[in-house]
Amino acid sequence: MEKIQLNKIKDYAHYYKKYHNISPSQLKKLRQELNMTQKEFARLMGYYKESANSYICQLENGYVRIPKHFALVCNLIRKEYLK
């Protein structure tokens, strides 16, 4: 029983490490592969304020740290739609 739980923890750790991180250059590349402007990409990610495209610009240039939930969604988009 303990071995099964330990394997689940290892799997989760691998999953977390793989999908909860994205670099600014990877973020920009993803947006460009989707043929989206920063404003369109911001809306896709759920940001609707006027300053949303500025936020994406800051993320892509490394001025703001990319939130873990944001990285997760980006990696899932890449995995599912850009095969």
Protein backbone atom coordinates (compact mmCIF):
# COMPACT_ATOMS: atom_id res chain seq x y z
CA MET A 1 0.00 0.00 0.00
CA GLU A 2 2.77 2.46 0.87
CA LYS A 3 4.61 1.73 -2.36
CA ILE A 4 1.54 2.62 -4.43
CA GLN A 5 1.14 5.95 -2.64
CA LEU A 6 4.84 6.71 -3.05
CA ASN A 7 4.55 6.07 -6.79
CA LYS A 8 1.57 8.43 -6.97
CA ILE A 9 3.58 11.11 -5.19
CA LYS A 10 6.50 10.63 -7.59
CA ASP A 11 4.13 10.79 -10.57
CA TYR A 12 2.56 13.97 -9.24
CA ALA A 13 5.98 15.52 -8.61
CA HIS A 14 7.00 14.72 -12.19
CA TYR A 15 3.71 16.09 -13.53
CA TYR A 16 4.03 19.25 -11.45
CA LYS A 17 7.61 19.86 -12.54
CA LYS A 18 6.77 19.25 -16.19
CA TYR A 19 3.58 21.29 -16.53
CA HIS A 20 3.75 24.04 -13.92
CA ASN A 21 6.77 25.77 -15.44
CA ILE A 22 7.13 27.72 -18.67
CA SER A 23 9.81 30.19 -19.67
CA PRO A 24 9.03 33.63 -21.10
CA SER A 25 10.40 32.57 -24.50
CA GLN A 26 8.25 29.40 -24.48
CA LEU A 27 5.21 31.53 -23.64
CA LYS A 28 5.88 33.87 -26.55
CA LYS A 29 6.51 30.93 -28.90
CA LEU A 30 3.20 29.33 -27.85
CA ARG A 31 1.29 32.55 -28.53
CA GLN A 32 2.94 32.92 -31.92
CA GLU A 33 2.23 29.28 -32.83
CA LEU A 34 -1.43 29.98 -32.05
CA ASN A 35 -1.24 33.02 -34.40
CA MET A 36 -2.62 35.28 -31.67
CA THR A 37 -1.90 38.84 -30.66
CA GLN A 38 -1.05 39.51 -27.03
CA LYS A 39 -4.57 40.84 -26.50
CA GLU A 40 -6.18 37.74 -28.03
CA PHE A 41 -3.96 35.46 -25.99
CA ALA A 42 -4.78 37.40 -22.82
CA ARG A 43 -8.48 36.88 -23.47
CA LEU A 44 -7.93 33.18 -24.12
CA MET A 45 -6.23 32.98 -20.72
CA GLY A 46 -9.12 34.80 -19.02
CA TYR A 47 -7.69 38.31 -18.76
CA TYR A 48 -10.17 40.91 -20.00
CA LYS A 49 -8.86 44.21 -18.64
CA GLU A 50 -7.54 46.84 -21.03
CA SER A 51 -4.05 46.28 -19.64
CA ALA A 52 -4.16 42.53 -20.36
CA ASN A 53 -1.93 42.71 -23.44
CA SER A 54 0.57 44.73 -21.40
CA TYR A 55 0.54 41.92 -18.82
CA ILE A 56 1.28 39.33 -21.51
CA CYS A 57 4.11 41.53 -22.78
CA GLN A 58 5.57 41.68 -19.26
CA LEU A 59 5.31 37.90 -18.92
CA GLU A 60 6.97 37.30 -22.29
CA ASN A 61 9.84 39.63 -21.47
CA GLY A 62 10.41 38.17 -18.01
CA TYR A 63 9.48 41.33 -16.11
CA VAL A 64 6.76 39.46 -14.21
CA ARG A 65 7.01 35.89 -12.95
CA ILE A 66 4.68 33.54 -14.78
CA PRO A 67 2.08 32.18 -12.31
CA LYS A 68 1.96 28.41 -11.89
CA HIS A 69 -1.70 28.17 -12.93
CA PHE A 70 -0.95 30.23 -16.06
CA ALA A 71 1.97 27.93 -16.96
CA LEU A 72 -0.21 24.86 -16.43
CA VAL A 73 -2.88 26.11 -18.83
CA CYS A 74 -0.25 27.08 -21.42
CA ASN A 75 1.38 23.67 -21.26
CA LEU A 76 -1.95 21.89 -21.55
CA ILE A 77 -2.85 24.03 -24.59
CA ARG A 78 0.50 23.15 -26.15
CA LYS A 79 0.03 19.45 -25.39
CA GLU A 80 -3.54 19.21 -26.69
CA TYR A 81 -3.62 21.61 -29.63
CA LEU A 82 -0.09 21.86 -30.97
CA LYS A 83 0.88 18.25 -31.49
